[in-house]
């Protein structure tokens, strides 16, 4: 297989840390592909990418800078029209959601790609950040728990029905922003799409503890502390693997990228 270029959106946030862990993952594991990791700040740099990471940071700031850099629509095309492999961490997960609440209209724009509603800053202020061991079965049955770092973290509040278009019901909710509709246009993109969202990890009991402590969580019966989801080749985590020094999720994701590129190229 030829070289695969993975970009990390470098407008704000922990993009440098992601690149360092991607390099560590390649140094620790054996891959078929040759890898190039680049920082992405322009549409031209995005065009070079076979896959993309949206890092943790401030989702509102990232979306504003992306819009001013003429990157917002190219990012939506990358994720939703071409369905290239994309991973969002924390703020990146918010940007990849089709719906985000606790958000004033006009203050945040979304890319979309994951049929979920996220609850922004679910765990409170930055001073209430924490680390928790997470069981991540998708990494393999013998793996140890992952040291997940949560900093003003969102959670997936609800798995939404897959829509061929905009999430109409979500547009009727107060303080909720919804991603614009864009559909995959070629067969490879459609093949990389999945109708349903797969829950890959959750943080058991956290919502109940917050509710008991009097924290408003604004949840319905479908909610839970879902902190990792995947829909086709779009992946999102509430937490920050890039801040741990543990490259296991990056290694796993690169293998997903490798497989996706192989299928897209008919190899």
C-alpha atoms as a PDB file:
ATOM      1  CA  UNK A   1       0.000   0.000   0.000  1.00  0.00           C
ATOM      2  CA  UNK A   2       1.232   3.516  -0.801  1.00  0.00           C
ATOM      3  CA  UNK A   3       1.666   6.319   1.710  1.00  0.00           C
ATOM      4  CA  UNK A   4      -1.362   7.455   3.736  1.00  0.00           C
ATOM      5  CA  UNK A   5      -1.575  11.079   4.837  1.00  0.00           C
ATOM      6  CA  UNK A   6      -3.296  11.787   8.144  1.00  0.00           C
ATOM      7  CA  UNK A   7      -4.060  15.385   9.003  1.00  0.00           C
ATOM      8  CA  UNK A   8      -4.677  16.925  12.416  1.00  0.00           C
ATOM      9  CA  UNK A   9      -6.731  20.116  12.353  1.00  0.00           C
ATOM     10  CA  UNK A  10      -4.350  22.689  13.806  1.00  0.00           C
ATOM     11  CA  UNK A  11      -6.505  25.775  14.336  1.00  0.00           C
ATOM     12  CA  UNK A  12      -6.575  25.525  18.146  1.00  0.00           C
ATOM     13  CA  UNK A  13      -6.264  22.881  20.837  1.00  0.00           C
ATOM     14  CA  UNK A  14      -4.145  19.769  21.375  1.00  0.00           C
ATOM     15  CA  UNK A  15      -3.113  19.094  17.772  1.00  0.00           C
ATOM     16  CA  UNK A  16       0.623  18.738  18.539  1.00  0.00           C
ATOM     17  CA  UNK A  17      -0.059  16.046  21.132  1.00  0.00           C
ATOM     18  CA  UNK A  18      -2.096  14.037  18.632  1.00  0.00           C
ATOM     19  CA  UNK A  19       0.723  14.097  16.105  1.00  0.00           C
ATOM     20  CA  UNK A  20       3.210  12.912  18.708  1.00  0.00           C
ATOM     21  CA  UNK A  21       0.984   9.964  19.659  1.00  0.00           C
ATOM     22  CA  UNK A  22       0.398   9.079  16.011  1.00  0.00           C
ATOM     23  CA  UNK A  23       4.167   8.890  15.554  1.00  0.00           C
ATOM     24  CA  UNK A  24       4.463   6.810  18.714  1.00  0.00           C
ATOM     25  CA  UNK A  25       1.749   4.417  17.489  1.00  0.00           C
ATOM     26  CA  UNK A  26       3.626   3.849  14.217  1.00  0.00           C
ATOM     27  CA  UNK A  27       6.910   3.298  16.075  1.00  0.00           C
ATOM     28  CA  UNK A  28       5.328   0.711  18.390  1.00  0.00           C
ATOM     29  CA  UNK A  29       3.239  -1.249  15.863  1.00  0.00           C
ATOM     30  CA  UNK A  30       3.763  -2.847  12.482  1.00  0.00           C
ATOM     31  CA  UNK A  31       1.684  -1.352   9.666  1.00  0.00           C
ATOM     32  CA  UNK A  32       1.462  -2.140   5.960  1.00  0.00           C
ATOM     33  CA  UNK A  33       1.175   1.521   4.980  1.00  0.00           C
ATOM     34  CA  UNK A  34       3.731   4.291   5.050  1.00  0.00           C
ATOM     35  CA  UNK A  35       2.433   7.251   7.066  1.00  0.00           C
ATOM     36  CA  UNK A  36       2.689  11.008   6.779  1.00  0.00           C
ATOM     37  CA  UNK A  37       1.229  13.189   9.542  1.00  0.00           C
ATOM     38  CA  UNK A  38       0.542  16.852   8.816  1.00  0.00           C
ATOM     39  CA  UNK A  39      -0.977  19.881  10.523  1.00  0.00           C
ATOM     40  CA  UNK A  40      -4.037  21.178   8.652  1.00  0.00           C
ATOM     41  CA  UNK A  41      -4.828  24.897   8.540  1.00  0.00           C
ATOM     42  CA  UNK A  42      -5.911  25.425   4.916  1.00  0.00           C
ATOM     43  CA  UNK A  43      -8.249  23.777   2.396  1.00  0.00           C
ATOM     44  CA  UNK A  44      -5.175  22.854   0.335  1.00  0.00           C
ATOM     45  CA  UNK A  45      -3.659  20.944   3.258  1.00  0.00           C
ATOM     46  CA  UNK A  46      -6.990  19.229   3.895  1.00  0.00           C
ATOM     47  CA  UNK A  47      -7.082  18.116   0.254  1.00  0.00           C
ATOM     48  CA  UNK A  48      -3.883  16.141   0.846  1.00  0.00           C
ATOM     49  CA  UNK A  49      -5.421  14.084   3.638  1.00  0.00           C
ATOM     50  CA  UNK A  50      -6.769  10.543   3.523  1.00  0.00           C
ATOM     51  CA  UNK A  51      -7.925  10.834   7.142  1.00  0.00           C
ATOM     52  CA  UNK A  52      -8.326  13.561   9.749  1.00  0.00           C
ATOM     53  CA  UNK A  53      -8.307  14.156  13.505  1.00  0.00           C
ATOM     54  CA  UNK A  54     -10.242  17.012  15.093  1.00  0.00           C
ATOM     55  CA  UNK A  55      -8.482  17.649  18.423  1.00  0.00           C
ATOM     56  CA  UNK A  56      -9.683  18.708  21.820  1.00  0.00           C
ATOM     57  CA  UNK A  57      -9.809  22.425  22.551  1.00  0.00           C
ATOM     58  CA  UNK A  58     -12.609  25.002  22.374  1.00  0.00           C
ATOM     59  CA  UNK A  59     -15.230  23.827  19.893  1.00  0.00           C
ATOM     60  CA  UNK A  60     -16.679  27.311  19.402  1.00  0.00           C
ATOM     61  CA  UNK A  61     -13.245  28.790  18.714  1.00  0.00           C
ATOM     62  CA  UNK A  62     -12.330  25.981  16.322  1.00  0.00           C
ATOM     63  CA  UNK A  63     -15.565  26.426  14.360  1.00  0.00           C
ATOM     64  CA  UNK A  64     -15.136  30.217  14.177  1.00  0.00           C
ATOM     65  CA  UNK A  65     -11.530  29.986  13.010  1.00  0.00           C
ATOM     66  CA  UNK A  66     -12.479  27.265  10.503  1.00  0.00           C
ATOM     67  CA  UNK A  67     -15.174  29.521   9.062  1.00  0.00           C
ATOM     68  CA  UNK A  68     -12.769  32.494   8.813  1.00  0.00           C
ATOM     69  CA  UNK A  69     -10.158  30.225   7.187  1.00  0.00           C
ATOM     70  CA  UNK A  70     -12.668  29.017   4.572  1.00  0.00           C
ATOM     71  CA  UNK A  71     -12.286  25.527   6.022  1.00  0.00           C
ATOM     72  CA  UNK A  72     -15.749  24.857   7.422  1.00  0.00           C
ATOM     73  CA  UNK A  73     -17.410  23.759   4.189  1.00  0.00           C
ATOM     74  CA  UNK A  74     -14.369  21.727   3.040  1.00  0.00           C
ATOM     75  CA  UNK A  75     -14.423  19.977   6.427  1.00  0.00           C
ATOM     76  CA  UNK A  76     -18.114  19.157   5.998  1.00  0.00           C
ATOM     77  CA  UNK A  77     -17.391  17.794   2.530  1.00  0.00           C
ATOM     78  CA  UNK A  78     -14.460  15.736   3.871  1.00  0.00           C
ATOM     79  CA  UNK A  79     -16.569  14.127   6.600  1.00  0.00           C
ATOM     80  CA  UNK A  80     -20.089  13.990   5.178  1.00  0.00           C
ATOM     81  CA  UNK A  81     -19.763  13.975   1.384  1.00  0.00           C
ATOM     82  CA  UNK A  82     -16.529  12.005   0.922  1.00  0.00           C
ATOM     83  CA  UNK A  83     -16.857  10.112   4.248  1.00  0.00           C
ATOM     84  CA  UNK A  84     -13.114   9.936   4.759  1.00  0.00           C
ATOM     85  CA  UNK A  85     -11.984   8.501   8.129  1.00  0.00           C
ATOM     86  CA  UNK A  86     -12.335  11.154  10.822  1.00  0.00           C
ATOM     87  CA  UNK A  87     -11.814  11.092  14.586  1.00  0.00           C
ATOM     88  CA  UNK A  88     -12.880  13.860  16.962  1.00  0.00           C
ATOM     89  CA  UNK A  89     -11.734  14.112  20.588  1.00  0.00           C
ATOM     90  CA  UNK A  90     -13.697  16.212  23.114  1.00  0.00           C
ATOM     91  CA  UNK A  91     -14.269  19.460  21.160  1.00  0.00           C
ATOM     92  CA  UNK A  92     -13.798  17.381  18.017  1.00  0.00           C
ATOM     93  CA  UNK A  93     -16.663  15.112  19.089  1.00  0.00           C
ATOM     94  CA  UNK A  94     -18.902  18.177  19.519  1.00  0.00           C
ATOM     95  CA  UNK A  95     -18.025  19.353  16.017  1.00  0.00           C
ATOM     96  CA  UNK A  96     -18.782  15.919  14.520  1.00  0.00           C
ATOM     97  CA  UNK A  97     -22.209  15.661  16.181  1.00  0.00           C
ATOM     98  CA  UNK A  98     -25.330  16.319  14.154  1.00  0.00           C
ATOM     99  CA  UNK A  99     -26.800  18.136  17.190  1.00  0.00           C
ATOM    100  CA  UNK A 100     -25.342  19.908  20.224  1.00  0.00           C
ATOM    101  CA  UNK A 101     -27.312  21.375  23.117  1.00  0.00           C
ATOM    102  CA  UNK A 102     -26.468  24.034  25.707  1.00  0.00           C
ATOM    103  CA  UNK A 103     -25.520  26.080  22.655  1.00  0.00           C
ATOM    104  CA  UNK A 104     -26.962  29.402  21.581  1.00  0.00           C
ATOM    105  CA  UNK A 105     -27.793  29.551  17.888  1.00  0.00           C
ATOM    106  CA  UNK A 106     -25.188  31.565  16.060  1.00  0.00           C
ATOM    107  CA  UNK A 107     -22.517  30.819  18.650  1.00  0.00           C
ATOM    108  CA  UNK A 108     -21.387  27.425  17.417  1.00  0.00           C
ATOM    109  CA  UNK A 109     -21.346  25.713  14.037  1.00  0.00           C
ATOM    110  CA  UNK A 110     -21.131  21.969  13.563  1.00  0.00           C
ATOM    111  CA  UNK A 111     -19.564  19.796  10.903  1.00  0.00           C
ATOM    112  CA  UNK A 112     -21.732  16.742  11.564  1.00  0.00           C
ATOM    113  CA  UNK A 113     -21.223  13.128  10.567  1.00  0.00           C
ATOM    114  CA  UNK A 114     -22.359  11.340  13.740  1.00  0.00           C
ATOM    115  CA  UNK A 115     -26.096  10.919  14.321  1.00  0.00           C
ATOM    116  CA  UNK A 116     -25.895  11.935  17.979  1.00  0.00           C
ATOM    117  CA  UNK A 117     -26.835  14.826  20.236  1.00  0.00           C
ATOM    118  CA  UNK A 118     -24.004  15.898  22.502  1.00  0.00           C
ATOM    119  CA  UNK A 119     -24.309  17.688  25.807  1.00  0.00           C
ATOM    120  CA  UNK A 120     -21.510  20.251  25.891  1.00  0.00           C
ATOM    121  CA  UNK A 121     -19.496  20.623  29.123  1.00  0.00           C
ATOM    122  CA  UNK A 122     -21.529  17.808  30.672  1.00  0.00           C
ATOM    123  CA  UNK A 123     -19.104  17.397  33.566  1.00  0.00           C
ATOM    124  CA  UNK A 124     -18.885  21.070  34.438  1.00  0.00           C
ATOM    125  CA  UNK A 125     -16.055  23.546  34.555  1.00  0.00           C
ATOM    126  CA  UNK A 126     -12.378  22.910  33.895  1.00  0.00           C
ATOM    127  CA  UNK A 127     -11.718  22.701  37.640  1.00  0.00           C
ATOM    128  CA  UNK A 128     -13.996  19.650  37.695  1.00  0.00           C
ATOM    129  CA  UNK A 129     -11.906  17.753  35.150  1.00  0.00           C
ATOM    130  CA  UNK A 130     -10.887  14.238  36.087  1.00  0.00           C
ATOM    131  CA  UNK A 131      -9.227  11.023  34.940  1.00  0.00           C
ATOM    132  CA  UNK A 132     -10.986   7.661  34.998  1.00  0.00           C
ATOM    133  CA  UNK A 133     -10.001   4.128  33.940  1.00  0.00           C
ATOM    134  CA  UNK A 134     -12.155   3.039  31.013  1.00  0.00           C
ATOM    135  CA  UNK A 135     -12.782  -0.455  29.712  1.00  0.00           C
ATOM    136  CA  UNK A 136     -12.495  -0.295  25.933  1.00  0.00           C
ATOM    137  CA  UNK A 137     -13.410  -3.711  24.486  1.00  0.00           C
ATOM    138  CA  UNK A 138     -12.768  -2.519  20.935  1.00  0.00           C
ATOM    139  CA  UNK A 139      -9.039  -2.422  21.738  1.00  0.00           C
ATOM    140  CA  UNK A 140      -9.079  -6.174  22.385  1.00  0.00           C
ATOM    141  CA  UNK A 141     -10.133  -8.557  25.171  1.00  0.00           C
ATOM    142  CA  UNK A 142      -6.747  -8.647  26.909  1.00  0.00           C
ATOM    143  CA  UNK A 143      -6.145  -4.911  27.065  1.00  0.00           C
ATOM    144  CA  UNK A 144      -5.877  -3.058  30.366  1.00  0.00           C
ATOM    145  CA  UNK A 145      -8.201  -0.170  31.152  1.00  0.00           C
ATOM    146  CA  UNK A 146      -7.450   3.099  29.400  1.00  0.00           C
ATOM    147  CA  UNK A 147      -6.543   6.210  31.470  1.00  0.00           C
ATOM    148  CA  UNK A 148      -9.207   8.534  30.051  1.00  0.00           C
ATOM    149  CA  UNK A 149      -8.717  12.263  30.685  1.00  0.00           C
ATOM    150  CA  UNK A 150     -11.930  14.357  30.782  1.00  0.00           C
ATOM    151  CA  UNK A 151     -11.558  18.162  30.573  1.00  0.00           C
ATOM    152  CA  UNK A 152     -14.833  20.113  30.362  1.00  0.00           C
ATOM    153  CA  UNK A 153     -15.964  17.038  28.516  1.00  0.00           C
ATOM    154  CA  UNK A 154     -19.137  16.500  26.512  1.00  0.00           C
ATOM    155  CA  UNK A 155     -21.090  13.267  26.489  1.00  0.00           C
ATOM    156  CA  UNK A 156     -23.343  11.736  23.878  1.00  0.00           C
ATOM    157  CA  UNK A 157     -26.721  12.512  25.369  1.00  0.00           C
ATOM    158  CA  UNK A 158     -28.802  10.732  22.762  1.00  0.00           C
ATOM    159  CA  UNK A 159     -28.344   8.468  19.743  1.00  0.00           C
ATOM    160  CA  UNK A 160     -30.420  10.025  16.973  1.00  0.00           C
ATOM    161  CA  UNK A 161     -32.220   8.183  14.181  1.00  0.00           C
ATOM    162  CA  UNK A 162     -30.290   8.159  10.929  1.00  0.00           C
ATOM    163  CA  UNK A 163     -31.736  10.784   8.599  1.00  0.00           C
ATOM    164  CA  UNK A 164     -31.267  11.313   4.874  1.00  0.00           C
ATOM    165  CA  UNK A 165     -30.967  15.025   5.559  1.00  0.00           C
ATOM    166  CA  UNK A 166     -31.126  17.369   8.520  1.00  0.00           C
ATOM    167  CA  UNK A 167     -32.260  16.260  11.991  1.00  0.00           C
ATOM    168  CA  UNK A 168     -35.584  18.091  11.846  1.00  0.00           C
ATOM    169  CA  UNK A 169     -36.733  17.244  15.393  1.00  0.00           C
ATOM    170  CA  UNK A 170     -33.476  18.581  16.793  1.00  0.00           C
ATOM    171  CA  UNK A 171     -33.993  21.962  15.119  1.00  0.00           C
ATOM    172  CA  UNK A 172     -37.084  22.470  17.309  1.00  0.00           C
ATOM    173  CA  UNK A 173     -35.136  22.209  20.562  1.00  0.00           C
ATOM    174  CA  UNK A 174     -34.147  25.358  22.453  1.00  0.00           C
ATOM    175  CA  UNK A 175     -30.443  26.167  22.765  1.00  0.00           C
ATOM    176  CA  UNK A 176     -29.599  23.464  20.255  1.00  0.00           C
ATOM    177  CA  UNK A 177     -27.575  23.802  17.070  1.00  0.00           C
ATOM    178  CA  UNK A 178     -27.851  21.299  14.226  1.00  0.00           C
ATOM    179  CA  UNK A 179     -25.370  20.503  11.470  1.00  0.00           C
ATOM    180  CA  UNK A 180     -26.382  21.321   7.888  1.00  0.00           C
ATOM    181  CA  UNK A 181     -27.380  18.460   5.622  1.00  0.00           C
ATOM    182  CA  UNK A 182     -24.804  16.967   3.254  1.00  0.00           C
ATOM    183  CA  UNK A 183     -25.014  13.503   1.713  1.00  0.00           C
ATOM    184  CA  UNK A 184     -22.350  11.094   0.424  1.00  0.00           C
ATOM    185  CA  UNK A 185     -22.261  11.265  -3.343  1.00  0.00           C
ATOM    186  CA  UNK A 186     -20.133   8.371  -4.624  1.00  0.00           C
ATOM    187  CA  UNK A 187     -20.264   4.649  -3.999  1.00  0.00           C
ATOM    188  CA  UNK A 188     -17.085   4.564  -1.890  1.00  0.00           C
ATOM    189  CA  UNK A 189     -18.470   7.266   0.398  1.00  0.00           C
ATOM    190  CA  UNK A 190     -21.807   5.494   0.734  1.00  0.00           C
ATOM    191  CA  UNK A 191     -20.015   2.253   1.585  1.00  0.00           C
ATOM    192  CA  UNK A 192     -18.132   4.050   4.373  1.00  0.00           C
ATOM    193  CA  UNK A 193     -21.423   5.224   5.923  1.00  0.00           C
ATOM    194  CA  UNK A 194     -23.418   3.317   8.519  1.00  0.00           C
ATOM    195  CA  UNK A 195     -27.087   3.835   9.331  1.00  0.00           C
ATOM    196  CA  UNK A 196     -26.610   3.322  13.047  1.00  0.00           C
ATOM    197  CA  UNK A 197     -24.263   4.695  15.701  1.00  0.00           C
ATOM    198  CA  UNK A 198     -22.245   2.119  17.622  1.00  0.00           C
ATOM    199  CA  UNK A 199     -21.534   2.859  21.290  1.00  0.00           C
ATOM    200  CA  UNK A 200     -17.920   1.888  22.007  1.00  0.00           C
ATOM    201  CA  UNK A 201     -17.528   3.098  25.597  1.00  0.00           C
ATOM    202  CA  UNK A 202     -19.487   4.569  28.486  1.00  0.00           C
ATOM    203  CA  UNK A 203     -18.699   5.850  31.957  1.00  0.00           C
ATOM    204  CA  UNK A 204     -20.962   3.858  34.272  1.00  0.00           C
ATOM    205  CA  UNK A 205     -22.821   5.618  37.049  1.00  0.00           C
ATOM    206  CA  UNK A 206     -21.451   9.091  36.493  1.00  0.00           C
ATOM    207  CA  UNK A 207     -24.781  10.667  35.486  1.00  0.00           C
ATOM    208  CA  UNK A 208     -26.510   9.177  38.516  1.00  0.00           C
ATOM    209  CA  UNK A 209     -23.825  10.571  40.823  1.00  0.00           C
ATOM    210  CA  UNK A 210     -24.119  14.027  39.292  1.00  0.00           C
ATOM    211  CA  UNK A 211     -27.896  13.978  39.577  1.00  0.00           C
ATOM    212  CA  UNK A 212     -27.690  12.891  43.205  1.00  0.00           C
ATOM    213  CA  UNK A 213     -25.326  15.785  43.881  1.00  0.00           C
ATOM    214  CA  UNK A 214     -27.903  18.208  42.501  1.00  0.00           C
ATOM    215  CA  UNK A 215     -26.184  18.826  39.159  1.00  0.00           C
ATOM    216  CA  UNK A 216     -28.614  19.519  36.326  1.00  0.00           C
ATOM    217  CA  UNK A 217     -27.966  17.005  33.551  1.00  0.00           C
ATOM    218  CA  UNK A 218     -31.025  17.661  31.349  1.00  0.00           C
ATOM    219  CA  UNK A 219     -31.323  14.029  30.300  1.00  0.00           C
ATOM    220  CA  UNK A 220     -34.084  11.804  29.009  1.00  0.00           C
ATOM    221  CA  UNK A 221     -34.501   8.054  29.349  1.00  0.00           C
ATOM    222  CA  UNK A 222     -32.208   7.282  26.409  1.00  0.00           C
ATOM    223  CA  UNK A 223     -29.279   9.174  27.852  1.00  0.00           C
ATOM    224  CA  UNK A 224     -26.228   7.876  29.573  1.00  0.00           C
ATOM    225  CA  UNK A 225     -22.611   8.778  29.946  1.00  0.00           C
ATOM    226  CA  UNK A 226     -21.644   7.598  26.473  1.00  0.00           C
ATOM    227  CA  UNK A 227     -18.073   8.699  25.840  1.00  0.00           C
ATOM    228  CA  UNK A 228     -17.035   6.922  22.617  1.00  0.00           C
ATOM    229  CA  UNK A 229     -19.077   6.295  19.465  1.00  0.00           C
ATOM    230  CA  UNK A 230     -18.502   5.197  15.888  1.00  0.00           C
ATOM    231  CA  UNK A 231     -20.662   5.466  12.786  1.00  0.00           C
ATOM    232  CA  UNK A 232     -19.061   3.941   9.745  1.00  0.00           C
ATOM    233  CA  UNK A 233     -15.586   5.448   9.616  1.00  0.00           C
ATOM    234  CA  UNK A 234     -16.422   8.487  11.750  1.00  0.00           C
ATOM    235  CA  UNK A 235     -15.263   8.085  15.355  1.00  0.00           C
ATOM    236  CA  UNK A 236     -15.662  10.318  18.414  1.00  0.00           C
ATOM    237  CA  UNK A 237     -14.417  10.292  22.007  1.00  0.00           C
ATOM    238  CA  UNK A 238     -15.411  12.611  24.872  1.00  0.00           C
ATOM    239  CA  UNK A 239     -12.016  12.238  26.462  1.00  0.00           C
ATOM    240  CA  UNK A 240      -8.454  13.150  25.440  1.00  0.00           C
ATOM    241  CA  UNK A 241      -6.311  10.118  24.507  1.00  0.00           C
ATOM    242  CA  UNK A 242      -3.719  12.558  23.183  1.00  0.00           C
ATOM    243  CA  UNK A 243      -2.986  13.803  26.723  1.00  0.00           C
ATOM    244  CA  UNK A 244      -2.131  10.377  28.167  1.00  0.00           C
ATOM    245  CA  UNK A 245       0.982   9.145  26.385  1.00  0.00           C
ATOM    246  CA  UNK A 246      -0.934   5.898  25.740  1.00  0.00           C
ATOM    247  CA  UNK A 247      -0.995   5.252  21.986  1.00  0.00           C
ATOM    248  CA  UNK A 248      -3.365   2.252  21.950  1.00  0.00           C
ATOM    249  CA  UNK A 249      -6.396   4.124  20.604  1.00  0.00           C
ATOM    250  CA  UNK A 250      -4.256   5.884  18.001  1.00  0.00           C
ATOM    251  CA  UNK A 251      -2.879   2.496  16.893  1.00  0.00           C
ATOM    252  CA  UNK A 252      -6.391   1.051  16.680  1.00  0.00           C
ATOM    253  CA  UNK A 253      -7.630   4.065  14.708  1.00  0.00           C
ATOM    254  CA  UNK A 254      -4.733   3.936  12.238  1.00  0.00           C
ATOM    255  CA  UNK A 255      -5.665   0.338  11.493  1.00  0.00           C
ATOM    256  CA  UNK A 256      -9.232   1.506  10.824  1.00  0.00           C
ATOM    257  CA  UNK A 257      -7.825   4.157   8.486  1.00  0.00           C
ATOM    258  CA  UNK A 258      -5.614   1.621   6.732  1.00  0.00           C
ATOM    259  CA  UNK A 259      -8.585  -0.673   6.118  1.00  0.00           C
ATOM    260  CA  UNK A 260     -10.790   2.193   4.923  1.00  0.00           C
ATOM    261  CA  UNK A 261      -8.197   3.438   2.443  1.00  0.00           C
ATOM    262  CA  UNK A 262      -7.669  -0.106   1.188  1.00  0.00           C
ATOM    263  CA  UNK A 263     -11.398  -0.516   0.505  1.00  0.00           C
ATOM    264  CA  UNK A 264     -11.685   2.903  -1.115  1.00  0.00           C
ATOM    265  CA  UNK A 265      -8.818   2.068  -3.464  1.00  0.00           C
ATOM    266  CA  UNK A 266     -10.137  -1.419  -4.199  1.00  0.00           C
ATOM    267  CA  UNK A 267      -7.070  -3.156  -2.783  1.00  0.00           C
END
